[in-house]
Amino acid sequence: MFVLELTYTAPVERADALMAEHITWLDEQYAAGVFIASGRKNPRDGGVILAVGEDRAAIEEIAAADPFAAQGVCAYRITEFIATKTAPALAPYRQQLP
């Protein structure tokens, strides 16, 4: 599992101008089963996405395709973790330690 932290590198107005494209990209990743939660940070200096997958390179490729990243509006910090405990609703995403 991965935590994708977006930090704006440009004024928030530039992010707002790309928001419709960003949301379309988010929707595509939800439909593909990659993203399971996302939202703005508070204060609004970026966002956070919770993603599932086994391949960090694939997650990095997905993040690079975000219109925010492609247009230089944000930087991504990607943290991989092993989700050994979850809420019951997230049980299908539980992982075993290697």
N, C-alpha and C. Protein backbone atom coordinates (compact mmCIF):
# COMPACT_ATOMS: atom_id res chain seq x y z
N MET A 1 0.86 -1.16 0.00
CA MET A 1 0.00 0.00 0.00
C MET A 1 0.90 1.22 0.00
N PHE A 2 0.36 2.33 -0.49
CA PHE A 2 1.15 3.54 -0.65
C PHE A 2 0.37 4.77 -0.18
N VAL A 3 1.10 5.68 0.44
CA VAL A 3 0.58 7.00 0.76
C VAL A 3 1.26 7.96 -0.21
N LEU A 4 0.47 8.65 -1.01
CA LEU A 4 0.99 9.64 -1.95
C LEU A 4 0.67 11.01 -1.37
N GLU A 5 1.70 11.75 -1.02
CA GLU A 5 1.49 13.10 -0.49
C GLU A 5 1.88 14.11 -1.55
N LEU A 6 0.93 14.93 -1.94
CA LEU A 6 1.15 15.99 -2.92
C LEU A 6 1.40 17.28 -2.17
N THR A 7 2.41 18.02 -2.58
CA THR A 7 2.67 19.34 -2.04
C THR A 7 2.72 20.31 -3.21
N TYR A 8 1.90 21.34 -3.15
CA TYR A 8 1.89 22.32 -4.23
C TYR A 8 3.24 23.02 -4.33
N THR A 9 3.71 23.15 -5.56
CA THR A 9 4.96 23.85 -5.85
C THR A 9 4.67 25.13 -6.64
N ALA A 10 3.41 25.43 -6.81
CA ALA A 10 2.94 26.61 -7.54
C ALA A 10 1.76 27.19 -6.77
N PRO A 11 1.36 28.40 -7.06
CA PRO A 11 0.20 28.98 -6.37
C PRO A 11 -1.05 28.10 -6.54
N VAL A 12 -1.88 28.09 -5.50
CA VAL A 12 -3.08 27.25 -5.50
C VAL A 12 -3.99 27.57 -6.68
N GLU A 13 -3.93 28.78 -7.19
CA GLU A 13 -4.75 29.14 -8.35
C GLU A 13 -4.38 28.29 -9.57
N ARG A 14 -3.11 27.93 -9.71
CA ARG A 14 -2.68 27.06 -10.81
C ARG A 14 -3.26 25.67 -10.63
N ALA A 15 -3.30 25.19 -9.39
CA ALA A 15 -3.92 23.89 -9.13
C ALA A 15 -5.41 23.95 -9.44
N ASP A 16 -6.06 25.02 -9.02
CA ASP A 16 -7.50 25.16 -9.29
C ASP A 16 -7.78 25.14 -10.79
N ALA A 17 -6.90 25.73 -11.60
CA ALA A 17 -7.09 25.76 -13.05
C ALA A 17 -7.00 24.37 -13.66
N LEU A 18 -6.30 23.45 -12.99
CA LEU A 18 -6.14 22.07 -13.48
C LEU A 18 -7.03 21.08 -12.75
N MET A 19 -7.88 21.56 -11.85
CA MET A 19 -8.64 20.67 -10.98
C MET A 19 -9.53 19.69 -11.74
N ALA A 20 -10.22 20.12 -12.79
CA ALA A 20 -11.10 19.21 -13.53
C ALA A 20 -10.30 18.06 -14.13
N GLU A 21 -9.12 18.37 -14.70
CA GLU A 21 -8.27 17.32 -15.25
C GLU A 21 -7.75 16.40 -14.16
N HIS A 22 -7.38 16.96 -13.02
CA HIS A 22 -6.90 16.17 -11.89
C HIS A 22 -7.99 15.21 -11.40
N ILE A 23 -9.22 15.71 -11.31
CA ILE A 23 -10.33 14.87 -10.85
C ILE A 23 -10.60 13.74 -11.85
N THR A 24 -10.53 14.02 -13.13
CA THR A 24 -10.68 12.97 -14.14
C THR A 24 -9.62 11.89 -13.95
N TRP A 25 -8.38 12.30 -13.72
CA TRP A 25 -7.28 11.37 -13.47
C TRP A 25 -7.55 10.55 -12.21
N LEU A 26 -8.00 11.22 -11.13
CA LEU A 26 -8.36 10.50 -9.90
C LEU A 26 -9.44 9.45 -10.19
N ASP A 27 -10.50 9.86 -10.89
CA ASP A 27 -11.60 8.95 -11.18
C ASP A 27 -11.13 7.72 -11.95
N GLU A 28 -10.19 7.91 -12.88
CA GLU A 28 -9.65 6.78 -13.64
C GLU A 28 -8.93 5.80 -12.71
N GLN A 29 -8.20 6.31 -11.73
CA GLN A 29 -7.47 5.43 -10.82
C GLN A 29 -8.41 4.75 -9.82
N TYR A 30 -9.48 5.42 -9.42
CA TYR A 30 -10.49 4.76 -8.59
C TYR A 30 -11.14 3.63 -9.38
N ALA A 31 -11.50 3.89 -10.63
CA ALA A 31 -12.14 2.87 -11.47
C ALA A 31 -11.21 1.68 -11.70
N ALA A 32 -9.91 1.93 -11.75
CA ALA A 32 -8.93 0.85 -11.95
C ALA A 32 -8.64 0.09 -10.66
N GLY A 33 -9.19 0.56 -9.53
CA GLY A 33 -8.98 -0.11 -8.26
C GLY A 33 -7.67 0.23 -7.58
N VAL A 34 -7.00 1.28 -8.05
CA VAL A 34 -5.70 1.65 -7.48
C VAL A 34 -5.86 2.59 -6.29
N PHE A 35 -6.73 3.57 -6.38
CA PHE A 35 -6.92 4.53 -5.30
C PHE A 35 -8.12 4.11 -4.45
N ILE A 36 -7.96 4.26 -3.12
CA ILE A 36 -9.07 3.92 -2.23
C ILE A 36 -9.50 5.09 -1.35
N ALA A 37 -8.71 6.17 -1.31
CA ALA A 37 -9.10 7.38 -0.58
C ALA A 37 -8.22 8.53 -1.06
N SER A 38 -8.77 9.74 -1.03
CA SER A 38 -7.99 10.92 -1.41
C SER A 38 -8.66 12.17 -0.88
N GLY A 39 -7.90 13.24 -0.80
CA GLY A 39 -8.47 14.51 -0.38
C GLY A 39 -7.42 15.58 -0.18
N ARG A 40 -7.90 16.80 0.04
CA ARG A 40 -7.03 17.95 0.27
C ARG A 40 -6.43 17.89 1.67
N LYS A 41 -5.22 18.42 1.78
CA LYS A 41 -4.62 18.61 3.10
C LYS A 41 -5.21 19.89 3.70
N ASN A 42 -5.18 19.95 5.00
CA ASN A 42 -5.65 21.13 5.72
C ASN A 42 -4.53 21.58 6.65
N PRO A 43 -3.85 22.69 6.41
CA PRO A 43 -4.19 23.72 5.44
C PRO A 43 -3.96 23.24 4.01
N ARG A 44 -4.57 23.94 3.08
CA ARG A 44 -4.60 23.52 1.68
C ARG A 44 -3.27 23.84 0.98
N ASP A 45 -2.31 22.96 1.19
CA ASP A 45 -1.03 23.11 0.51
C ASP A 45 -0.72 21.87 -0.32
N GLY A 46 -1.75 21.06 -0.59
CA GLY A 46 -1.58 19.84 -1.37
C GLY A 46 -2.68 18.86 -1.05
N GLY A 47 -2.36 17.58 -1.17
CA GLY A 47 -3.35 16.55 -0.92
C GLY A 47 -2.69 15.25 -0.54
N VAL A 48 -3.53 14.24 -0.27
CA VAL A 48 -3.07 12.91 0.11
C VAL A 48 -3.92 11.89 -0.62
N ILE A 49 -3.28 10.84 -1.11
CA ILE A 49 -3.97 9.74 -1.79
C ILE A 49 -3.50 8.44 -1.15
N LEU A 50 -4.43 7.55 -0.87
CA LEU A 50 -4.11 6.20 -0.40
C LEU A 50 -4.30 5.26 -1.59
N ALA A 51 -3.23 4.57 -1.96
CA ALA A 51 -3.24 3.71 -3.15
C ALA A 51 -2.85 2.29 -2.77
N VAL A 52 -3.37 1.33 -3.53
CA VAL A 52 -3.01 -0.07 -3.34
C VAL A 52 -2.26 -0.56 -4.57
N GLY A 53 -1.32 -1.44 -4.31
CA GLY A 53 -0.54 -2.01 -5.39
C GLY A 53 0.70 -2.68 -4.83
N GLU A 54 1.30 -3.52 -5.63
CA GLU A 54 2.51 -4.23 -5.22
C GLU A 54 3.76 -3.64 -5.85
N ASP A 55 3.59 -2.81 -6.87
CA ASP A 55 4.70 -2.35 -7.69
C ASP A 55 4.91 -0.84 -7.53
N ARG A 56 5.95 -0.46 -6.81
CA ARG A 56 6.23 0.96 -6.58
C ARG A 56 6.43 1.71 -7.90
N ALA A 57 7.11 1.08 -8.84
CA ALA A 57 7.36 1.74 -10.13
C ALA A 57 6.04 2.08 -10.82
N ALA A 58 5.06 1.19 -10.73
CA ALA A 58 3.75 1.46 -11.35
C ALA A 58 3.07 2.64 -10.66
N ILE A 59 3.16 2.72 -9.33
CA ILE A 59 2.56 3.83 -8.59
C ILE A 59 3.27 5.14 -8.96
N GLU A 60 4.58 5.10 -9.09
CA GLU A 60 5.32 6.29 -9.49
C GLU A 60 4.90 6.75 -10.89
N GLU A 61 4.67 5.82 -11.78
CA GLU A 61 4.22 6.14 -13.14
C GLU A 61 2.84 6.78 -13.12
N ILE A 62 1.96 6.24 -12.30
CA ILE A 62 0.61 6.80 -12.17
C ILE A 62 0.70 8.23 -11.63
N ALA A 63 1.52 8.44 -10.60
CA ALA A 63 1.66 9.78 -10.01
C ALA A 63 2.21 10.76 -11.05
N ALA A 64 3.14 10.33 -11.86
CA ALA A 64 3.73 11.21 -12.87
C ALA A 64 2.70 11.63 -13.92
N ALA A 65 1.66 10.82 -14.10
CA ALA A 65 0.61 11.12 -15.08
C ALA A 65 -0.45 12.09 -14.55
N ASP A 66 -0.41 12.39 -13.26
CA ASP A 66 -1.33 13.37 -12.69
C ASP A 66 -1.10 14.71 -13.39
N PRO A 67 -2.16 15.34 -13.89
CA PRO A 67 -1.98 16.66 -14.52
C PRO A 67 -1.26 17.66 -13.61
N PHE A 68 -1.47 17.58 -12.32
CA PHE A 68 -0.76 18.46 -11.40
C PHE A 68 0.75 18.25 -11.52
N ALA A 69 1.19 16.99 -11.55
CA ALA A 69 2.61 16.69 -11.66
C ALA A 69 3.13 17.04 -13.05
N ALA A 70 2.38 16.65 -14.06
CA ALA A 70 2.81 16.88 -15.45
C ALA A 70 2.95 18.37 -15.76
N GLN A 71 2.15 19.21 -15.11
CA GLN A 71 2.18 20.65 -15.35
C GLN A 71 3.03 21.40 -14.31
N GLY A 72 3.74 20.66 -13.46
CA GLY A 72 4.64 21.29 -12.51
C GLY A 72 3.97 22.03 -11.37
N VAL A 73 2.76 21.60 -11.01
CA VAL A 73 2.01 22.27 -9.95
C VAL A 73 2.27 21.65 -8.58
N CYS A 74 2.69 20.37 -8.57
CA CYS A 74 2.93 19.71 -7.29
C CYS A 74 4.13 18.77 -7.39
N ALA A 75 4.63 18.42 -6.21
CA ALA A 75 5.66 17.39 -6.08
C ALA A 75 5.04 16.25 -5.28
N TYR A 76 5.41 15.03 -5.60
CA TYR A 76 4.90 13.86 -4.90
C TYR A 76 5.95 13.30 -3.94
N ARG A 77 5.50 12.90 -2.79
CA ARG A 77 6.28 12.09 -1.86
C ARG A 77 5.50 10.79 -1.72
N ILE A 78 6.12 9.67 -2.06
CA ILE A 78 5.44 8.38 -2.04
C ILE A 78 6.06 7.53 -0.94
N THR A 79 5.20 7.07 -0.03
CA THR A 79 5.63 6.22 1.08
C THR A 79 4.94 4.87 0.93
N GLU A 80 5.73 3.82 0.88
CA GLU A 80 5.18 2.46 0.81
C GLU A 80 5.12 1.90 2.22
N PHE A 81 4.04 1.21 2.53
CA PHE A 81 3.93 0.54 3.83
C PHE A 81 3.17 -0.76 3.68
N ILE A 82 3.32 -1.62 4.67
CA ILE A 82 2.63 -2.91 4.67
C ILE A 82 1.44 -2.78 5.62
N ALA A 83 0.24 -2.84 5.07
CA ALA A 83 -1.00 -2.64 5.84
C ALA A 83 -1.40 -3.96 6.51
N THR A 84 -0.78 -4.24 7.66
CA THR A 84 -1.06 -5.50 8.36
C THR A 84 -2.33 -5.44 9.20
N LYS A 85 -2.81 -4.25 9.49
CA LYS A 85 -4.05 -4.09 10.26
C LYS A 85 -4.87 -3.01 9.58
N THR A 86 -6.17 -3.25 9.44
CA THR A 86 -7.07 -2.30 8.80
C THR A 86 -8.42 -2.32 9.51
N ALA A 87 -9.23 -1.33 9.19
CA ALA A 87 -10.63 -1.35 9.61
C ALA A 87 -11.30 -2.52 8.87
N PRO A 88 -12.37 -3.06 9.42
CA PRO A 88 -13.02 -4.20 8.77
C PRO A 88 -13.37 -3.95 7.30
N ALA A 89 -13.80 -2.75 6.97
CA ALA A 89 -14.18 -2.46 5.58
C ALA A 89 -12.99 -2.53 4.63
N LEU A 90 -11.78 -2.40 5.16
CA LEU A 90 -10.57 -2.44 4.33
C LEU A 90 -9.86 -3.80 4.41
N ALA A 91 -10.52 -4.78 4.98
CA ALA A 91 -9.92 -6.11 5.13
C ALA A 91 -9.36 -6.67 3.82
N PRO A 92 -9.99 -6.46 2.68
CA PRO A 92 -9.41 -7.00 1.44
C PRO A 92 -8.01 -6.44 1.11
N TYR A 93 -7.63 -5.35 1.75
CA TYR A 93 -6.32 -4.73 1.47
C TYR A 93 -5.25 -5.11 2.49
N ARG A 94 -5.60 -5.94 3.47
CA ARG A 94 -4.61 -6.33 4.48
C ARG A 94 -3.49 -7.12 3.83
N GLN A 95 -2.30 -6.91 4.38
CA GLN A 95 -1.12 -7.58 3.84
C GLN A 95 -0.41 -8.37 4.93
N GLN A 96 0.37 -9.33 4.50
CA GLN A 96 1.17 -10.14 5.39
C GLN A 96 2.61 -9.63 5.35
N LEU A 97 3.28 -9.68 6.48
CA LEU A 97 4.69 -9.33 6.50
C LEU A 97 5.47 -10.37 5.70
N PRO A 98 6.53 -9.92 5.04
CA PRO A 98 7.33 -10.89 4.24
C PRO A 98 8.02 -11.91 5.12
